[in-house]
Protein backbone atom coordinates (compact mmCIF):
# COMPACT_ATOMS: atom_id res chain seq x y z
CA MET A 1 -61.81 -23.36 -39.13
CA LYS A 2 -62.77 -20.10 -37.43
CA GLY A 3 -59.12 -19.09 -37.32
CA VAL A 4 -58.73 -19.57 -41.07
CA ILE A 5 -61.83 -17.47 -41.79
CA TYR A 6 -60.63 -14.72 -39.47
CA ALA A 7 -57.20 -14.85 -41.14
CA LEU A 8 -58.82 -14.37 -44.58
CA VAL A 9 -61.34 -11.70 -43.54
CA LEU A 10 -58.92 -9.56 -41.51
CA PRO A 11 -56.65 -8.60 -44.49
CA LEU A 12 -59.77 -7.92 -46.59
CA VAL A 13 -61.09 -5.48 -43.97
CA VAL A 14 -57.72 -3.73 -43.65
CA VAL A 15 -57.26 -3.33 -47.42
CA SER A 16 -60.82 -2.04 -47.97
CA GLY A 17 -60.35 0.46 -45.13
CA ILE A 18 -57.19 1.79 -46.74
CA VAL A 19 -58.89 2.08 -50.14
CA PHE A 20 -61.85 4.03 -48.72
CA ALA A 21 -59.54 6.28 -46.68
CA ASN A 22 -57.48 7.18 -49.78
CA ARG A 23 -60.62 7.92 -51.78
CA GLY A 24 -61.77 10.34 -49.11
CA ILE A 25 -58.41 12.12 -49.11
CA LYS A 26 -58.43 12.49 -52.92
CA ASN A 27 -61.94 13.95 -52.86
CA GLU A 28 -60.94 16.50 -50.22
CA THR A 29 -57.87 17.68 -52.16
CA SER A 30 -59.80 18.08 -55.40
CA LYS A 31 -62.38 20.25 -53.65
CA LYS A 32 -59.64 22.48 -52.23
CA SER A 33 -57.77 22.92 -55.54
CA THR A 34 -60.68 24.54 -57.40
CA PRO A 35 -60.43 28.28 -56.77
CA LYS A 36 -63.50 30.40 -57.22
CA PRO A 37 -63.30 32.99 -59.99
CA LEU A 38 -62.56 36.55 -58.93
CA SER A 39 -65.23 39.18 -59.24
CA ALA A 40 -64.60 42.34 -61.29
CA ALA A 41 -63.96 44.37 -58.14
CA GLU A 42 -61.51 41.77 -56.82
CA MET A 43 -59.68 41.69 -60.17
CA LYS A 44 -59.43 45.49 -60.17
CA ALA A 45 -58.08 45.49 -56.60
CA GLU A 46 -55.58 42.75 -57.50
CA ARG A 47 -54.40 44.76 -60.54
CA LYS A 48 -53.96 47.89 -58.38
CA ARG A 49 -51.93 45.84 -55.90
CA TRP A 50 -49.72 44.50 -58.72
CA GLU A 51 -49.23 47.99 -60.22
CA ALA A 52 -47.73 49.09 -56.88
CA THR A 53 -45.03 46.37 -57.07
CA PRO A 54 -41.66 47.12 -58.74
CA ASP A 55 -42.62 44.99 -61.77
CA GLY A 56 -45.94 46.80 -62.11
CA ILE A 57 -44.26 50.21 -61.88
CA ARG A 58 -41.72 49.22 -64.56
CA TYR A 59 -44.52 47.97 -66.83
CA LYS A 60 -46.60 51.15 -66.41
CA THR A 61 -43.49 53.26 -67.13
CA TRP A 62 -42.77 51.21 -70.27
CA GLU A 63 -46.42 51.42 -71.33
CA GLY A 64 -46.25 55.24 -71.28
CA SER A 65 -42.90 55.45 -73.09
CA PRO A 66 -42.71 56.05 -76.87
CA GLU A 67 -41.42 52.49 -77.37
CA GLY A 68 -44.29 51.02 -75.35
CA LYS A 69 -46.86 53.13 -77.20
CA LYS A 70 -45.44 51.90 -80.53
CA VAL A 71 -45.69 48.26 -79.41
CA LEU A 72 -49.24 48.72 -78.11
CA ALA A 73 -50.28 50.46 -81.35
CA GLY A 74 -48.91 47.51 -83.36
CA TYR A 75 -50.79 45.16 -81.06
CA ALA A 76 -54.05 47.06 -81.62
CA LYS A 77 -53.48 47.21 -85.39
CA ILE A 78 -53.77 43.42 -85.85
CA SER A 79 -55.97 42.50 -82.88
CA LYS A 80 -59.13 42.15 -85.03
CA GLN A 81 -57.38 39.76 -87.41
CA ILE A 82 -56.03 37.79 -84.47
CA GLY A 83 -59.48 37.57 -82.86
CA ALA A 84 -61.08 36.40 -86.10
CA PHE A 85 -58.16 34.02 -86.92
CA THR A 86 -57.95 35.43 -90.46
CA ASP A 87 -55.04 35.55 -92.90
CA MET A 88 -52.42 38.25 -92.42
CA GLU A 89 -49.97 38.97 -95.23
CA ALA A 90 -46.41 39.36 -93.98
CA VAL A 91 -42.95 39.90 -95.42
CA VAL A 92 -39.98 38.28 -93.66
CA THR A 93 -37.52 41.03 -92.67
CA SER A 94 -35.03 39.00 -90.60
CA LEU A 95 -34.36 35.32 -89.98
CA SER A 96 -33.22 35.90 -86.41
CA LEU A 97 -34.93 37.32 -83.36
CA PRO A 98 -33.59 40.28 -81.35
CA PRO A 99 -30.48 39.49 -79.26
CA GLY A 100 -31.25 37.91 -75.90
CA SER A 101 -34.74 36.77 -76.85
CA ARG A 102 -36.07 33.64 -75.18
CA LEU A 103 -38.96 32.91 -77.51
CA GLY A 104 -37.51 29.86 -79.25
CA PHE A 105 -37.52 29.71 -83.04
CA GLY A 106 -38.95 32.69 -84.87
CA VAL A 107 -38.49 35.37 -87.50
CA MET A 108 -39.07 39.09 -87.80
CA ALA A 109 -41.83 40.06 -90.23
CA ARG A 110 -43.59 43.20 -91.43
CA ILE A 111 -47.40 43.05 -91.26
CA ASN A 112 -49.48 46.06 -92.38
CA GLY A 113 -46.37 48.27 -92.35
CA ASP A 114 -45.26 47.42 -88.78
CA ASP A 115 -42.56 45.03 -87.62
CA TYR A 116 -43.49 42.02 -85.46
CA ILE A 117 -41.74 39.09 -83.87
CA VAL A 118 -43.31 35.93 -85.29
CA SER A 119 -42.63 33.17 -82.77
CA PHE A 120 -43.15 29.46 -83.38
CA GLY A 121 -41.97 28.11 -80.02
CA LEU A 122 -39.15 25.91 -78.84
CA GLU A 123 -37.63 23.60 -81.41
CA SER A 124 -38.02 19.91 -80.73
CA SER A 125 -36.27 16.95 -82.27
CA ASP A 126 -39.22 15.95 -84.49
CA LYS A 127 -38.30 18.47 -87.24
CA GLU A 128 -41.52 20.42 -86.77
CA PHE A 129 -39.92 23.59 -88.16
CA GLN A 130 -37.98 21.99 -91.04
CA GLN A 131 -39.88 23.84 -93.80
CA LEU A 132 -39.70 27.12 -91.88
CA HIS A 133 -35.89 26.98 -92.05
CA SER A 134 -36.23 27.41 -95.84
CA LEU A 135 -37.63 30.95 -95.40
CA LYS A 136 -35.55 33.81 -96.79
CA VAL A 137 -35.59 37.55 -96.22
CA ASN A 138 -38.30 39.26 -98.34
CA ASP A 139 -40.38 36.05 -98.64
CA LYS A 140 -44.09 36.82 -98.62
CA ILE A 141 -46.02 34.58 -96.26
CA ILE A 142 -49.56 34.27 -94.94
CA ILE A 143 -49.87 33.96 -91.16
CA ARG A 144 -52.76 33.03 -88.91
CA SER A 145 -52.58 33.31 -85.16
CA HIS A 146 -54.75 33.20 -82.07
CA VAL A 147 -52.30 35.12 -79.88
CA VAL A 148 -50.47 38.43 -79.98
CA SER A 149 -48.66 39.67 -76.88
CA GLN A 150 -46.22 42.30 -75.73
CA ALA A 151 -43.41 42.43 -73.23
CA PRO A 152 -41.29 45.38 -72.06
CA LYS A 153 -38.18 43.37 -72.93
CA TYR A 154 -39.01 43.49 -76.67
CA SER A 155 -39.47 46.50 -78.97
CA TYR A 156 -42.01 44.65 -81.09
CA PRO A 157 -45.35 42.89 -80.55
CA ILE A 158 -45.02 39.10 -80.45
CA VAL A 159 -47.26 37.04 -82.76
CA ARG A 160 -47.46 33.37 -81.77
CA SER A 161 -48.03 31.78 -85.18
CA ASP A 162 -50.38 28.82 -85.61
CA TYR A 163 -50.30 28.60 -89.40
CA VAL A 164 -47.91 29.76 -92.14
CA LYS A 165 -48.39 29.51 -95.89
CA ARG A 166 -45.91 30.48 -98.63
CA ASP A 167 -46.78 30.38 -102.35
CA SER A 168 -50.15 28.72 -101.54
CA ILE A 169 -48.36 25.85 -99.75
CA ILE A 170 -48.76 25.30 -96.02
CA ILE A 171 -45.25 25.19 -94.55
CA TYR A 172 -46.25 25.18 -90.87
CA LYS A 173 -49.33 24.27 -88.90
CA ARG A 174 -49.23 24.12 -85.12
CA VAL A 175 -50.22 20.76 -83.69
CA PHE A 176 -52.32 21.37 -80.60
CA ARG A 177 -51.85 18.95 -77.73
CA LYS A 178 -54.79 16.72 -76.99
CA GLY A 179 -56.23 16.49 -73.51
CA GLY A 180 -55.82 20.14 -72.45
CA CYS A 181 -52.67 21.59 -70.97
């Protein structure tokens, strides 16, 4: 009888030991993966370090060039509307993005007298952009966005559109993923 009890208890002890050991390992890794936020001085030092790299030097050179200044001025021109997530009136100027762009589906549009790349992201098979394909050059649209960015590769600021309306009809609304990233 004692042998049977030992035979039943021994696997129980081994399994519970493994479970507790794994829980301890998971707790340790989660503690390590949470980096502390950088202070302002550390961020400034990190930026200085990056500016000394070849990529940083190229970016600073582009930023001072006439093309870079034009892009940054366009960025600043709509930054308040982007921050407030308000309507921006735009006119479609081209149905294709500049050659070699890797922004997915998008159009060129004129907002407040400046040209912008309006990017919608990578096309998927669920026909998310079906109504956007009906846009034509000179169509007047209303855009809302949370993000405007710039890159030395492009001669225009890049507006990541979250909402597009044409003739008072919503033709695109970004579906945000649930559960974070």
